[in-house]
N, C-alpha and C. Protein backbone atom coordinates (compact mmCIF):
# COMPACT_ATOMS: atom_id res chain seq x y z
N MET A 1 114.06 78.96 113.82
CA MET A 1 115.04 77.92 114.04
C MET A 1 114.45 76.58 113.64
N SER A 2 115.27 75.79 113.07
CA SER A 2 114.85 74.46 112.66
C SER A 2 114.94 73.49 113.82
N SER A 3 114.05 72.52 113.83
CA SER A 3 114.11 71.51 114.88
C SER A 3 114.76 70.22 114.39
N ARG A 4 115.26 70.23 113.14
CA ARG A 4 115.95 69.05 112.61
C ARG A 4 117.22 68.80 113.41
N PRO A 5 117.48 67.55 113.76
CA PRO A 5 118.75 67.26 114.44
C PRO A 5 119.92 67.65 113.55
N GLY A 6 120.89 68.28 114.15
CA GLY A 6 122.08 68.69 113.40
C GLY A 6 121.92 70.02 112.70
N SER A 7 120.78 70.65 112.84
CA SER A 7 120.56 71.95 112.19
C SER A 7 121.52 72.97 112.79
N ARG A 8 122.19 73.73 111.94
CA ARG A 8 123.14 74.73 112.44
C ARG A 8 122.43 75.81 113.24
N ALA A 9 121.26 76.26 112.78
CA ALA A 9 120.55 77.30 113.52
C ALA A 9 120.21 76.82 114.92
N ARG A 10 119.83 75.58 115.05
CA ARG A 10 119.50 75.01 116.35
C ARG A 10 120.77 74.89 117.21
N THR A 11 121.85 74.51 116.59
CA THR A 11 123.11 74.32 117.30
C THR A 11 123.70 75.65 117.76
N TYR A 12 123.67 76.66 116.89
CA TYR A 12 124.35 77.91 117.18
C TYR A 12 123.45 79.00 117.76
N GLY A 13 122.17 78.79 117.78
CA GLY A 13 121.25 79.73 118.39
C GLY A 13 120.93 80.92 117.50
N PRO A 14 120.30 81.94 118.09
CA PRO A 14 119.80 83.07 117.30
C PRO A 14 120.87 83.96 116.70
N ALA A 15 122.12 83.87 117.15
CA ALA A 15 123.18 84.70 116.57
C ALA A 15 123.62 84.18 115.21
N ALA A 16 123.23 82.99 114.84
CA ALA A 16 123.68 82.37 113.60
C ALA A 16 123.43 83.22 112.35
N PRO A 17 122.28 83.92 112.20
CA PRO A 17 122.08 84.69 110.97
C PRO A 17 123.15 85.72 110.70
N ARG A 18 123.71 86.32 111.75
CA ARG A 18 124.73 87.34 111.55
C ARG A 18 125.99 86.76 110.94
N TRP A 19 126.57 85.78 111.58
CA TRP A 19 127.88 85.35 111.11
C TRP A 19 127.81 84.32 110.01
N PHE A 20 126.69 83.64 109.81
CA PHE A 20 126.58 82.73 108.67
C PHE A 20 126.47 83.51 107.37
N THR A 21 125.94 84.72 107.42
CA THR A 21 125.70 85.50 106.21
C THR A 21 126.68 86.64 106.02
N LEU A 22 127.52 86.91 106.99
CA LEU A 22 128.43 88.06 106.91
C LEU A 22 129.39 87.98 105.73
N ALA A 23 129.78 86.80 105.33
CA ALA A 23 130.70 86.64 104.20
C ALA A 23 130.12 87.20 102.90
N TRP A 24 128.79 87.25 102.78
CA TRP A 24 128.16 87.79 101.57
C TRP A 24 128.37 89.29 101.42
N THR A 25 128.81 89.97 102.47
CA THR A 25 128.97 91.42 102.42
C THR A 25 130.39 91.84 102.05
N LYS A 26 131.30 90.93 101.97
CA LYS A 26 132.69 91.28 101.71
C LYS A 26 132.87 91.84 100.30
N ALA A 27 133.87 92.70 100.15
CA ALA A 27 134.17 93.30 98.85
C ALA A 27 134.38 92.22 97.80
N GLY A 28 133.90 92.47 96.61
CA GLY A 28 134.04 91.51 95.53
C GLY A 28 132.80 90.64 95.35
N ARG A 29 131.93 90.63 96.32
CA ARG A 29 130.66 89.89 96.22
C ARG A 29 129.59 90.83 95.68
N ASP A 30 128.61 90.27 95.01
CA ASP A 30 127.48 91.07 94.55
C ASP A 30 126.59 91.37 95.74
N PRO A 31 126.45 92.64 96.10
CA PRO A 31 125.70 92.97 97.31
C PRO A 31 124.18 92.91 97.14
N GLU A 32 123.70 92.68 95.94
CA GLU A 32 122.25 92.68 95.74
C GLU A 32 121.54 91.63 96.58
N ARG A 33 122.16 90.49 96.76
CA ARG A 33 121.53 89.44 97.57
C ARG A 33 121.34 89.91 99.01
N ILE A 34 122.37 90.48 99.59
CA ILE A 34 122.29 90.90 100.98
C ILE A 34 121.34 92.09 101.12
N LEU A 35 121.31 92.98 100.14
CA LEU A 35 120.38 94.11 100.19
C LEU A 35 118.94 93.63 100.06
N ALA A 36 118.71 92.62 99.24
CA ALA A 36 117.36 92.06 99.12
C ALA A 36 116.93 91.41 100.44
N TRP A 37 117.85 90.69 101.09
CA TRP A 37 117.54 90.11 102.41
C TRP A 37 117.23 91.22 103.40
N GLY A 38 118.05 92.26 103.39
CA GLY A 38 117.84 93.37 104.32
C GLY A 38 116.50 94.05 104.10
N ALA A 39 116.14 94.26 102.84
CA ALA A 39 114.84 94.89 102.54
C ALA A 39 113.69 94.00 103.00
N ARG A 40 113.80 92.72 102.73
CA ARG A 40 112.73 91.80 103.10
C ARG A 40 112.59 91.66 104.62
N LEU A 41 113.69 91.72 105.33
CA LEU A 41 113.67 91.52 106.78
C LEU A 41 113.64 92.83 107.58
N SER A 42 113.63 93.97 106.90
CA SER A 42 113.74 95.25 107.61
C SER A 42 112.64 95.48 108.63
N GLY A 43 111.46 94.94 108.42
CA GLY A 43 110.36 95.12 109.36
C GLY A 43 110.34 94.12 110.50
N ASP A 44 111.23 93.14 110.48
CA ASP A 44 111.28 92.13 111.54
C ASP A 44 111.84 92.78 112.80
N ARG A 45 111.12 92.70 113.90
CA ARG A 45 111.51 93.38 115.13
C ARG A 45 112.44 92.56 116.02
N GLN A 46 112.80 91.35 115.64
CA GLN A 46 113.72 90.57 116.46
C GLN A 46 115.08 91.25 116.50
N TRP A 47 115.62 91.37 117.70
CA TRP A 47 116.88 92.08 117.88
C TRP A 47 118.00 91.47 117.05
N PHE A 48 118.13 90.15 117.05
CA PHE A 48 119.22 89.51 116.31
C PHE A 48 119.10 89.73 114.81
N ILE A 49 117.89 89.77 114.30
CA ILE A 49 117.69 90.04 112.87
C ILE A 49 118.10 91.47 112.56
N GLN A 50 117.68 92.41 113.38
CA GLN A 50 118.06 93.81 113.17
C GLN A 50 119.58 93.98 113.28
N LYS A 51 120.19 93.30 114.22
CA LYS A 51 121.65 93.38 114.38
C LYS A 51 122.34 92.81 113.14
N ALA A 52 121.82 91.71 112.60
CA ALA A 52 122.40 91.11 111.39
C ALA A 52 122.31 92.08 110.21
N ILE A 53 121.16 92.70 110.03
CA ILE A 53 121.00 93.67 108.94
C ILE A 53 122.00 94.81 109.12
N GLY A 54 122.14 95.30 110.33
CA GLY A 54 123.10 96.37 110.60
C GLY A 54 124.52 95.97 110.27
N TRP A 55 124.88 94.74 110.63
CA TRP A 55 126.24 94.25 110.32
C TRP A 55 126.43 94.12 108.82
N TRP A 56 125.43 93.60 108.13
CA TRP A 56 125.54 93.47 106.66
C TRP A 56 125.81 94.83 106.05
N LEU A 57 125.00 95.82 106.45
CA LEU A 57 125.14 97.16 105.87
C LEU A 57 126.44 97.82 106.29
N ARG A 58 126.85 97.61 107.53
CA ARG A 58 128.12 98.18 108.00
C ARG A 58 129.29 97.66 107.18
N GLU A 59 129.31 96.36 106.93
CA GLU A 59 130.40 95.77 106.12
C GLU A 59 130.34 96.27 104.68
N LEU A 60 129.16 96.37 104.12
CA LEU A 60 129.02 96.86 102.75
C LEU A 60 129.46 98.33 102.65
N ALA A 61 129.22 99.10 103.71
CA ALA A 61 129.60 100.52 103.70
C ALA A 61 131.10 100.72 103.56
N LYS A 62 131.88 99.74 103.95
CA LYS A 62 133.34 99.85 103.80
C LYS A 62 133.75 99.90 102.34
N SER A 63 133.01 99.21 101.46
CA SER A 63 133.37 99.17 100.05
C SER A 63 132.41 99.96 99.16
N ASP A 64 131.19 100.20 99.61
CA ASP A 64 130.19 100.87 98.78
C ASP A 64 129.26 101.72 99.65
N PRO A 65 129.79 102.82 100.23
CA PRO A 65 128.97 103.62 101.14
C PRO A 65 127.75 104.26 100.48
N GLU A 66 127.85 104.61 99.21
CA GLU A 66 126.69 105.22 98.54
C GLU A 66 125.52 104.26 98.44
N ARG A 67 125.81 103.01 98.18
CA ARG A 67 124.75 102.01 98.10
C ARG A 67 124.06 101.84 99.45
N VAL A 68 124.82 101.90 100.53
CA VAL A 68 124.24 101.81 101.88
C VAL A 68 123.41 103.04 102.18
N ARG A 69 123.89 104.22 101.77
CA ARG A 69 123.10 105.45 101.97
C ARG A 69 121.77 105.35 101.23
N ARG A 70 121.78 104.83 100.01
CA ARG A 70 120.53 104.66 99.26
C ARG A 70 119.60 103.68 99.95
N PHE A 71 120.17 102.57 100.45
CA PHE A 71 119.36 101.59 101.17
C PHE A 71 118.71 102.23 102.39
N LEU A 72 119.49 102.99 103.15
CA LEU A 72 118.95 103.64 104.33
C LEU A 72 117.87 104.66 103.97
N ALA A 73 118.06 105.37 102.87
CA ALA A 73 117.04 106.32 102.44
C ALA A 73 115.74 105.60 102.07
N ASP A 74 115.87 104.43 101.45
CA ASP A 74 114.68 103.69 101.01
C ASP A 74 114.03 102.87 102.13
N HIS A 75 114.84 102.28 103.01
CA HIS A 75 114.33 101.32 103.99
C HIS A 75 114.63 101.69 105.44
N GLY A 76 115.33 102.78 105.67
CA GLY A 76 115.73 103.14 107.03
C GLY A 76 114.59 103.32 108.00
N GLY A 77 113.44 103.77 107.51
CA GLY A 77 112.29 103.97 108.38
C GLY A 77 111.75 102.67 108.95
N ALA A 78 111.94 101.58 108.25
CA ALA A 78 111.45 100.28 108.71
C ALA A 78 112.46 99.57 109.62
N LEU A 79 113.71 100.02 109.61
CA LEU A 79 114.75 99.38 110.41
C LEU A 79 114.67 99.81 111.87
N GLY A 80 115.12 98.94 112.74
CA GLY A 80 115.24 99.28 114.14
C GLY A 80 116.46 100.17 114.36
N ALA A 81 116.53 100.78 115.53
CA ALA A 81 117.63 101.70 115.86
C ALA A 81 118.98 101.00 115.80
N VAL A 82 119.05 99.77 116.27
CA VAL A 82 120.34 99.05 116.27
C VAL A 82 120.84 98.83 114.85
N ALA A 83 119.96 98.52 113.92
CA ALA A 83 120.35 98.31 112.52
C ALA A 83 120.83 99.62 111.90
N ARG A 84 120.09 100.70 112.14
CA ARG A 84 120.50 102.00 111.58
C ARG A 84 121.84 102.45 112.16
N ARG A 85 122.02 102.25 113.46
CA ARG A 85 123.28 102.66 114.10
C ARG A 85 124.47 101.88 113.53
N GLU A 86 124.33 100.55 113.44
CA GLU A 86 125.41 99.73 112.87
C GLU A 86 125.68 100.10 111.42
N ALA A 87 124.62 100.29 110.64
CA ALA A 87 124.77 100.60 109.21
C ALA A 87 125.49 101.92 108.99
N SER A 88 125.28 102.87 109.89
CA SER A 88 125.84 104.21 109.74
C SER A 88 127.26 104.34 110.27
N LYS A 89 127.75 103.32 110.91
CA LYS A 89 129.04 103.40 111.62
C LYS A 89 130.19 103.89 110.74
N TYR A 90 130.28 103.42 109.49
CA TYR A 90 131.39 103.80 108.61
C TYR A 90 130.98 104.79 107.52
N LEU A 91 129.80 105.35 107.63
CA LEU A 91 129.39 106.33 106.62
C LEU A 91 129.99 107.69 106.89
N GLY A 92 130.26 108.00 108.15
CA GLY A 92 130.93 109.24 108.51
C GLY A 92 130.13 110.48 108.18
N GLY A 93 130.59 111.60 108.67
CA GLY A 93 129.99 112.87 108.36
C GLY A 93 128.54 113.00 108.81
N GLN A 94 127.88 114.00 108.30
CA GLN A 94 126.50 114.28 108.67
C GLN A 94 125.54 113.21 108.16
N THR A 95 125.84 112.60 107.02
CA THR A 95 124.92 111.61 106.45
C THR A 95 124.71 110.45 107.38
N GLY A 96 125.79 109.88 107.90
CA GLY A 96 125.68 108.75 108.80
C GLY A 96 124.96 109.12 110.08
N ALA A 97 125.27 110.27 110.64
CA ALA A 97 124.63 110.70 111.87
C ALA A 97 123.15 110.97 111.66
N ALA A 98 122.81 111.58 110.51
CA ALA A 98 121.42 111.87 110.21
C ALA A 98 120.62 110.59 110.03
N GLU A 99 121.20 109.61 109.36
CA GLU A 99 120.51 108.34 109.15
C GLU A 99 120.32 107.61 110.48
N ALA A 100 121.33 107.67 111.34
CA ALA A 100 121.25 106.96 112.62
C ALA A 100 120.20 107.60 113.53
N ALA A 101 120.03 108.90 113.42
CA ALA A 101 119.06 109.60 114.27
C ALA A 101 117.63 109.39 113.81
N ARG A 102 117.45 109.03 112.57
CA ARG A 102 116.11 108.88 112.01
C ARG A 102 115.34 107.78 112.65
C-alpha cells in the first residue's frame, strides 16, 4: 500500500487489487496481462492477493476456460487454495474439481 495522500490503495484498503483489476478480465480484453500478473503473484501468500488471482481466473473462465485450465496446469501448484477454488468455479466437470483439489 502506498502512503501517498490520496492513494487509492490507501483509501480502499487491501481489497483494492481485486476490483481495480477485475475489468481486465472481461471478454474482449487481451487476457495475457492478467495471466502475467497471476503468474508473477501466484507465490504471494497474502489472502487478498490470492483471492484477486482467483477472481481474475474465474472471470476469464467464462470466456476462455481452456486458457484457465492451462494456467492452472502450469501455475496451480503455486496458488493458494482460495485462488484454485475461485478459478475452478466455472470450469465444471472433473477438470475443475481436480484442479481445485490439487
